[in-house]
């Protein structure tokens, strides 16, 4: 079977020895690729690709595929999830009024302290003081 690179070698005027060297290189690369593919298959690691989907369908007959994200830091994700859980726990410990107040402070856009003060009928400084007090308390408990 003549492969495209062999045709390209002939058209480039390479000798049989040079073409044989290139063939050896490509054959070695193909063997490495097949070994990696077999190792991934043995370890249950599948990547989303047409070829991989076909191979997995032959073996598992499943239609779900895991796509590993090499840019994901699992430790960072776990810490983030824990921190969010801890923050939710601390927010649940607040009184209903304090919790609603904080959520209102952070739900609004910039300048929300003025708007919130107007709705509550208090000064902006009172809103800022209460917000800073609650955030400081949450930080102390969190840390």
C-alpha atoms as a PDB file:
ATOM      1  CA  UNK A   1       0.000   0.000   0.000  1.00  0.00           C
ATOM      2  CA  UNK A   2       1.447   3.352  -1.027  1.00  0.00           C
ATOM      3  CA  UNK A   3       0.825   6.071   1.537  1.00  0.00           C
ATOM      4  CA  UNK A   4       0.553   9.785   0.768  1.00  0.00           C
ATOM      5  CA  UNK A   5       3.933  10.603   2.275  1.00  0.00           C
ATOM      6  CA  UNK A   6       5.567   8.003   0.009  1.00  0.00           C
ATOM      7  CA  UNK A   7       3.981   9.653  -3.034  1.00  0.00           C
ATOM      8  CA  UNK A   8       5.205  13.032  -1.759  1.00  0.00           C
ATOM      9  CA  UNK A   9       8.711  11.587  -1.307  1.00  0.00           C
ATOM     10  CA  UNK A  10       8.755  10.307  -4.886  1.00  0.00           C
ATOM     11  CA  UNK A  11       7.472  13.611  -6.232  1.00  0.00           C
ATOM     12  CA  UNK A  12      10.180  15.416  -4.213  1.00  0.00           C
ATOM     13  CA  UNK A  13      12.788  13.175  -5.853  1.00  0.00           C
ATOM     14  CA  UNK A  14      13.929  11.424  -2.665  1.00  0.00           C
ATOM     15  CA  UNK A  15      15.814   8.162  -2.969  1.00  0.00           C
ATOM     16  CA  UNK A  16      14.420   4.821  -1.824  1.00  0.00           C
ATOM     17  CA  UNK A  17      16.718   4.897   1.226  1.00  0.00           C
ATOM     18  CA  UNK A  18      15.439   8.347   2.241  1.00  0.00           C
ATOM     19  CA  UNK A  19      11.845   7.243   1.732  1.00  0.00           C
ATOM     20  CA  UNK A  20      12.550   4.117   3.829  1.00  0.00           C
ATOM     21  CA  UNK A  21      13.893   6.307   6.654  1.00  0.00           C
ATOM     22  CA  UNK A  22      10.751   8.427   6.551  1.00  0.00           C
ATOM     23  CA  UNK A  23       8.618   5.264   6.492  1.00  0.00           C
ATOM     24  CA  UNK A  24      10.454   3.944   9.581  1.00  0.00           C
ATOM     25  CA  UNK A  25       9.824   7.244  11.370  1.00  0.00           C
ATOM     26  CA  UNK A  26       6.093   7.250  10.550  1.00  0.00           C
ATOM     27  CA  UNK A  27       5.746   3.575  11.473  1.00  0.00           C
ATOM     28  CA  UNK A  28       7.408   4.217  14.840  1.00  0.00           C
ATOM     29  CA  UNK A  29       5.111   7.193  15.478  1.00  0.00           C
ATOM     30  CA  UNK A  30       2.069   5.107  14.574  1.00  0.00           C
ATOM     31  CA  UNK A  31       3.165   2.359  16.990  1.00  0.00           C
ATOM     32  CA  UNK A  32       3.614   4.948  19.776  1.00  0.00           C
ATOM     33  CA  UNK A  33       0.165   6.350  19.069  1.00  0.00           C
ATOM     34  CA  UNK A  34      -1.374   2.876  19.140  1.00  0.00           C
ATOM     35  CA  UNK A  35       0.376   2.063  22.441  1.00  0.00           C
ATOM     36  CA  UNK A  36      -0.909   5.307  23.985  1.00  0.00           C
ATOM     37  CA  UNK A  37      -4.401   4.616  22.694  1.00  0.00           C
ATOM     38  CA  UNK A  38      -4.305   1.092  24.134  1.00  0.00           C
ATOM     39  CA  UNK A  39      -3.040   2.388  27.505  1.00  0.00           C
ATOM     40  CA  UNK A  40      -5.856   4.959  27.631  1.00  0.00           C
ATOM     41  CA  UNK A  41      -8.384   2.269  26.735  1.00  0.00           C
ATOM     42  CA  UNK A  42      -7.048  -0.073  29.454  1.00  0.00           C
ATOM     43  CA  UNK A  43      -7.234   2.742  32.019  1.00  0.00           C
ATOM     44  CA  UNK A  44     -10.690   3.872  30.954  1.00  0.00           C
ATOM     45  CA  UNK A  45      -9.551   7.302  29.700  1.00  0.00           C
ATOM     46  CA  UNK A  46     -11.392   8.432  26.610  1.00  0.00           C
ATOM     47  CA  UNK A  47     -11.126  11.697  24.717  1.00  0.00           C
ATOM     48  CA  UNK A  48     -13.826  13.125  22.559  1.00  0.00           C
ATOM     49  CA  UNK A  49     -12.979  12.353  18.980  1.00  0.00           C
ATOM     50  CA  UNK A  50     -14.782  10.577  16.198  1.00  0.00           C
ATOM     51  CA  UNK A  51     -12.247   7.759  16.302  1.00  0.00           C
ATOM     52  CA  UNK A  52     -12.439   7.510  20.088  1.00  0.00           C
ATOM     53  CA  UNK A  53     -16.216   7.528  20.039  1.00  0.00           C
ATOM     54  CA  UNK A  54     -16.240   4.704  17.500  1.00  0.00           C
ATOM     55  CA  UNK A  55     -13.700   2.666  19.476  1.00  0.00           C
ATOM     56  CA  UNK A  56     -15.579   3.122  22.738  1.00  0.00           C
ATOM     57  CA  UNK A  57     -18.872   2.246  21.100  1.00  0.00           C
ATOM     58  CA  UNK A  58     -17.341  -1.049  19.955  1.00  0.00           C
ATOM     59  CA  UNK A  59     -16.204  -1.937  23.477  1.00  0.00           C
ATOM     60  CA  UNK A  60     -18.743  -0.368  25.841  1.00  0.00           C
ATOM     61  CA  UNK A  61     -21.764   0.414  23.702  1.00  0.00           C
ATOM     62  CA  UNK A  62     -22.259   3.582  25.763  1.00  0.00           C
ATOM     63  CA  UNK A  63     -23.206   6.964  24.448  1.00  0.00           C
ATOM     64  CA  UNK A  64     -21.630   9.125  27.183  1.00  0.00           C
ATOM     65  CA  UNK A  65     -18.069  10.370  27.072  1.00  0.00           C
ATOM     66  CA  UNK A  66     -15.814  12.038  29.642  1.00  0.00           C
ATOM     67  CA  UNK A  67     -13.732  14.893  28.343  1.00  0.00           C
ATOM     68  CA  UNK A  68     -10.791  15.645  30.617  1.00  0.00           C
ATOM     69  CA  UNK A  69      -9.956  19.331  30.949  1.00  0.00           C
ATOM     70  CA  UNK A  70      -6.198  19.559  31.333  1.00  0.00           C
ATOM     71  CA  UNK A  71      -6.463  23.206  32.386  1.00  0.00           C
ATOM     72  CA  UNK A  72      -8.595  22.402  35.431  1.00  0.00           C
ATOM     73  CA  UNK A  73      -6.961  22.551  38.843  1.00  0.00           C
ATOM     74  CA  UNK A  74      -8.906  19.980  40.865  1.00  0.00           C
ATOM     75  CA  UNK A  75      -7.465  21.150  44.182  1.00  0.00           C
ATOM     76  CA  UNK A  76      -8.493  24.729  43.452  1.00  0.00           C
ATOM     77  CA  UNK A  77     -11.995  23.599  42.472  1.00  0.00           C
ATOM     78  CA  UNK A  78     -12.332  21.593  45.696  1.00  0.00           C
ATOM     79  CA  UNK A  79     -11.202  24.556  47.794  1.00  0.00           C
ATOM     80  CA  UNK A  80     -13.597  26.854  45.976  1.00  0.00           C
ATOM     81  CA  UNK A  81     -16.491  24.443  46.563  1.00  0.00           C
ATOM     82  CA  UNK A  82     -15.585  24.138  50.243  1.00  0.00           C
ATOM     83  CA  UNK A  83     -15.308  27.928  50.607  1.00  0.00           C
ATOM     84  CA  UNK A  84     -18.718  28.453  49.001  1.00  0.00           C
ATOM     85  CA  UNK A  85     -20.237  25.843  51.288  1.00  0.00           C
ATOM     86  CA  UNK A  86     -18.664  27.474  54.339  1.00  0.00           C
ATOM     87  CA  UNK A  87     -19.863  30.922  53.257  1.00  0.00           C
ATOM     88  CA  UNK A  88     -23.400  29.616  52.747  1.00  0.00           C
ATOM     89  CA  UNK A  89     -23.249  28.032  56.186  1.00  0.00           C
ATOM     90  CA  UNK A  90     -22.171  31.355  57.746  1.00  0.00           C
ATOM     91  CA  UNK A  91     -24.886  33.237  55.855  1.00  0.00           C
ATOM     92  CA  UNK A  92     -27.470  30.775  57.163  1.00  0.00           C
ATOM     93  CA  UNK A  93     -26.341  31.582  60.711  1.00  0.00           C
ATOM     94  CA  UNK A  94     -27.191  35.270  60.198  1.00  0.00           C
ATOM     95  CA  UNK A  95     -30.588  36.643  61.108  1.00  0.00           C
ATOM     96  CA  UNK A  96     -33.073  36.845  58.272  1.00  0.00           C
ATOM     97  CA  UNK A  97     -32.804  40.667  58.183  1.00  0.00           C
ATOM     98  CA  UNK A  98     -28.993  40.653  58.082  1.00  0.00           C
ATOM     99  CA  UNK A  99     -28.929  38.012  55.362  1.00  0.00           C
ATOM    100  CA  UNK A 100     -31.459  39.895  53.210  1.00  0.00           C
ATOM    101  CA  UNK A 101     -29.543  43.121  53.804  1.00  0.00           C
ATOM    102  CA  UNK A 102     -26.221  41.622  52.644  1.00  0.00           C
ATOM    103  CA  UNK A 103     -27.802  39.975  49.625  1.00  0.00           C
ATOM    104  CA  UNK A 104     -29.393  43.316  48.706  1.00  0.00           C
ATOM    105  CA  UNK A 105     -26.014  45.072  49.087  1.00  0.00           C
ATOM    106  CA  UNK A 106     -24.236  42.700  46.730  1.00  0.00           C
ATOM    107  CA  UNK A 107     -27.109  42.076  44.324  1.00  0.00           C
ATOM    108  CA  UNK A 108     -27.330  45.680  43.210  1.00  0.00           C
ATOM    109  CA  UNK A 109     -24.984  47.412  40.811  1.00  0.00           C
ATOM    110  CA  UNK A 110     -22.495  50.094  41.736  1.00  0.00           C
ATOM    111  CA  UNK A 111     -24.013  52.895  43.787  1.00  0.00           C
ATOM    112  CA  UNK A 112     -26.388  50.461  45.417  1.00  0.00           C
ATOM    113  CA  UNK A 113     -25.658  51.794  48.897  1.00  0.00           C
ATOM    114  CA  UNK A 114     -27.430  55.059  48.037  1.00  0.00           C
ATOM    115  CA  UNK A 115     -30.404  53.235  46.540  1.00  0.00           C
ATOM    116  CA  UNK A 116     -30.573  50.789  49.430  1.00  0.00           C
ATOM    117  CA  UNK A 117     -30.357  53.640  51.966  1.00  0.00           C
ATOM    118  CA  UNK A 118     -33.205  55.419  50.198  1.00  0.00           C
ATOM    119  CA  UNK A 119     -35.390  52.280  50.208  1.00  0.00           C
ATOM    120  CA  UNK A 120     -34.628  51.579  53.872  1.00  0.00           C
ATOM    121  CA  UNK A 121     -35.110  55.206  54.902  1.00  0.00           C
ATOM    122  CA  UNK A 122     -31.662  55.489  56.503  1.00  0.00           C
ATOM    123  CA  UNK A 123     -28.474  57.332  55.665  1.00  0.00           C
ATOM    124  CA  UNK A 124     -25.875  55.963  53.264  1.00  0.00           C
ATOM    125  CA  UNK A 125     -23.374  55.916  56.125  1.00  0.00           C
ATOM    126  CA  UNK A 126     -25.714  53.676  58.140  1.00  0.00           C
ATOM    127  CA  UNK A 127     -25.917  51.243  55.228  1.00  0.00           C
ATOM    128  CA  UNK A 128     -22.145  51.298  54.742  1.00  0.00           C
ATOM    129  CA  UNK A 129     -21.505  50.807  58.498  1.00  0.00           C
ATOM    130  CA  UNK A 130     -23.899  47.839  58.721  1.00  0.00           C
ATOM    131  CA  UNK A 131     -22.456  46.276  55.579  1.00  0.00           C
ATOM    132  CA  UNK A 132     -18.850  46.646  56.795  1.00  0.00           C
ATOM    133  CA  UNK A 133     -19.799  45.269  60.234  1.00  0.00           C
ATOM    134  CA  UNK A 134     -21.474  42.184  58.759  1.00  0.00           C
ATOM    135  CA  UNK A 135     -18.684  41.538  56.227  1.00  0.00           C
ATOM    136  CA  UNK A 136     -16.031  41.892  58.947  1.00  0.00           C
ATOM    137  CA  UNK A 137     -17.925  39.447  61.166  1.00  0.00           C
ATOM    138  CA  UNK A 138     -18.217  36.931  58.290  1.00  0.00           C
ATOM    139  CA  UNK A 139     -14.484  37.257  57.518  1.00  0.00           C
ATOM    140  CA  UNK A 140     -13.547  36.635  61.150  1.00  0.00           C
ATOM    141  CA  UNK A 141     -15.757  33.540  61.337  1.00  0.00           C
ATOM    142  CA  UNK A 142     -14.607  32.313  57.941  1.00  0.00           C
ATOM    143  CA  UNK A 143     -10.919  32.565  58.740  1.00  0.00           C
END
